[in-house]
Protein backbone atom coordinates (compact mmCIF):
# COMPACT_ATOMS: atom_id res chain seq x y z
CA MET A 1 14.08 22.89 0.19
CA LEU A 2 10.46 23.46 -0.77
CA ALA A 3 8.40 21.87 -3.51
CA GLN A 4 7.84 24.01 -6.57
CA GLY A 5 5.03 26.52 -6.05
CA THR A 6 5.39 26.71 -2.28
CA VAL A 7 6.76 29.43 -0.09
CA GLY A 8 8.11 28.69 3.37
CA PHE A 9 7.32 30.71 6.46
CA ALA A 10 8.84 30.50 9.91
CA TYR A 11 6.95 32.01 12.81
CA LYS A 12 7.49 31.85 16.53
CA LEU A 13 4.90 30.30 18.79
CA ARG A 14 5.63 30.51 22.50
CA GLY A 15 9.25 31.26 21.66
CA LEU A 16 9.70 28.19 19.44
CA PRO A 17 9.91 28.33 15.65
CA LEU A 18 6.79 27.19 13.83
CA HIS A 19 7.43 26.06 10.27
CA LEU A 20 4.56 26.36 7.83
CA HIS A 21 4.42 26.35 4.05
CA TYR A 22 2.09 28.35 1.84
CA ILE A 23 0.68 26.02 -0.78
CA GLY A 24 0.42 27.87 -4.11
CA THR A 25 -3.08 28.21 -5.50
CA LEU A 26 -4.77 26.74 -2.44
CA GLY A 27 -3.79 29.85 -0.50
CA ILE A 28 -3.59 28.07 2.84
CA LEU A 29 -0.88 27.45 5.39
CA MET A 30 -0.16 23.82 6.19
CA ASN A 31 2.13 22.28 8.77
CA THR A 32 4.37 19.30 8.04
CA VAL A 33 1.90 16.66 9.27
CA ASP A 34 -0.91 18.15 7.16
CA ARG A 35 1.33 18.28 4.07
CA ILE A 36 2.42 14.66 4.57
CA ARG A 37 -1.17 13.51 5.08
CA GLY A 38 -2.28 15.45 1.99
CA GLN A 39 0.49 14.11 -0.24
CA LEU A 40 -0.05 10.50 0.81
CA THR A 41 -3.85 10.77 0.57
CA ALA A 42 -3.73 12.33 -2.90
CA SER A 43 -1.28 9.75 -4.22
CA LEU A 44 -2.38 6.55 -2.46
CA SER A 45 -6.14 6.97 -1.91
CA PRO A 46 -5.84 5.15 1.42
CA GLU A 47 -8.70 3.43 3.22
CA GLN A 48 -7.03 4.56 6.43
CA ILE A 49 -4.14 6.90 7.20
CA GLU A 50 -2.50 8.13 10.38
CA VAL A 51 0.31 10.69 10.42
CA ILE A 52 1.78 11.13 13.89
CA ASP A 53 4.32 13.77 14.88
CA GLU A 54 6.71 11.97 17.25
CA SER A 55 9.25 14.82 17.37
CA GLY A 56 8.54 15.47 21.04
CA LYS A 57 9.79 11.98 21.92
CA HIS A 58 13.19 12.79 20.40
CA VAL A 59 14.11 16.08 22.09
CA GLY A 60 17.87 16.18 22.49
CA HIS A 61 18.45 13.42 19.93
CA LYS A 62 20.36 13.91 16.71
CA GLY A 63 18.21 15.50 14.05
CA ALA A 64 15.67 16.94 16.50
CA ILE A 65 15.11 20.68 16.03
CA PRO A 66 12.97 22.45 18.66
CA GLY A 67 9.65 23.59 17.16
CA LYS A 68 10.12 21.69 13.89
CA THR A 69 8.56 18.39 12.90
CA THR A 70 11.54 16.08 12.43
CA HIS A 71 10.23 12.63 13.43
CA VAL A 72 7.00 11.27 11.93
CA ARG A 73 5.23 7.90 11.94
CA VAL A 74 2.81 7.06 9.13
CA ARG A 75 0.35 4.17 9.13
CA ILE A 76 -1.37 3.60 5.81
CA ILE A 77 -3.82 1.03 4.46
CA SER A 78 -4.04 1.32 0.68
CA ASP A 79 -4.81 -0.94 -2.27
CA VAL A 80 -1.67 0.48 -3.92
CA PHE A 81 0.35 -1.80 -1.61
CA ARG A 82 -1.40 -5.01 -2.69
CA GLY A 83 1.12 -7.53 -4.04
CA LYS A 84 4.12 -5.41 -3.02
CA ASN A 85 6.73 -6.42 -0.47
CA ARG A 86 7.79 -4.26 2.47
CA ILE A 87 10.73 -2.66 0.65
CA GLU A 88 8.61 -1.74 -2.39
CA ARG A 89 5.96 -0.21 -0.12
CA HIS A 90 8.52 1.83 1.81
CA ARG A 91 10.09 3.06 -1.42
CA ILE A 92 6.70 4.33 -2.58
CA VAL A 93 6.19 6.31 0.62
CA ASN A 94 9.78 7.60 0.70
CA ASP A 95 9.56 8.73 -2.93
CA LEU A 96 6.30 10.59 -2.24
CA LEU A 97 7.85 12.35 0.76
CA ALA A 98 11.25 13.10 -0.77
CA GLY A 99 10.56 16.84 -0.58
CA GLU A 100 9.76 16.68 3.13
CA ILE A 101 12.90 14.63 3.77
CA ALA A 102 14.99 17.17 1.84
CA ASP A 103 13.34 19.95 3.87
CA GLY A 104 14.45 18.52 7.23
CA LEU A 105 12.29 15.50 8.06
CA HIS A 106 14.92 13.46 9.90
CA ALA A 107 13.10 10.21 10.72
CA LEU A 108 10.15 8.52 9.05
CA ALA A 109 8.64 5.36 10.54
CA ILE A 110 6.46 3.64 7.94
CA GLU A 111 3.75 1.04 8.57
CA THR A 112 1.95 -0.08 5.41
CA ARG A 113 -0.75 -2.64 4.67
CA ALA A 114 -3.07 -3.53 1.86
CA PRO A 115 -6.77 -3.83 2.74
CA GLY A 116 -7.51 -7.12 4.48
CA GLU A 117 -3.98 -7.66 5.77
């Protein structure tokens, strides 16, 4: 499932599928990690953000699809998290990435902090 205004493309790179999405008016192709980073950056204005594709560590595991980003770790420092507990923080991130999860993101490891923590 793709977010409204996007069109999905699947290409092959070295024999493996490469999943990219065309982002409406921007007219650019973005991979899953770039889309996740963009969504979280736009919504959370983080001081620091890391989005790491860990799919390669899970080859052969349930939910792993060769050539597709299925396992991602995000590390975010944002003022949005100030005063919120771990569950509230994770809900924020999960809600923002609901489209990616619906589109096949199988595992999401979330590390959140407010500035100064």
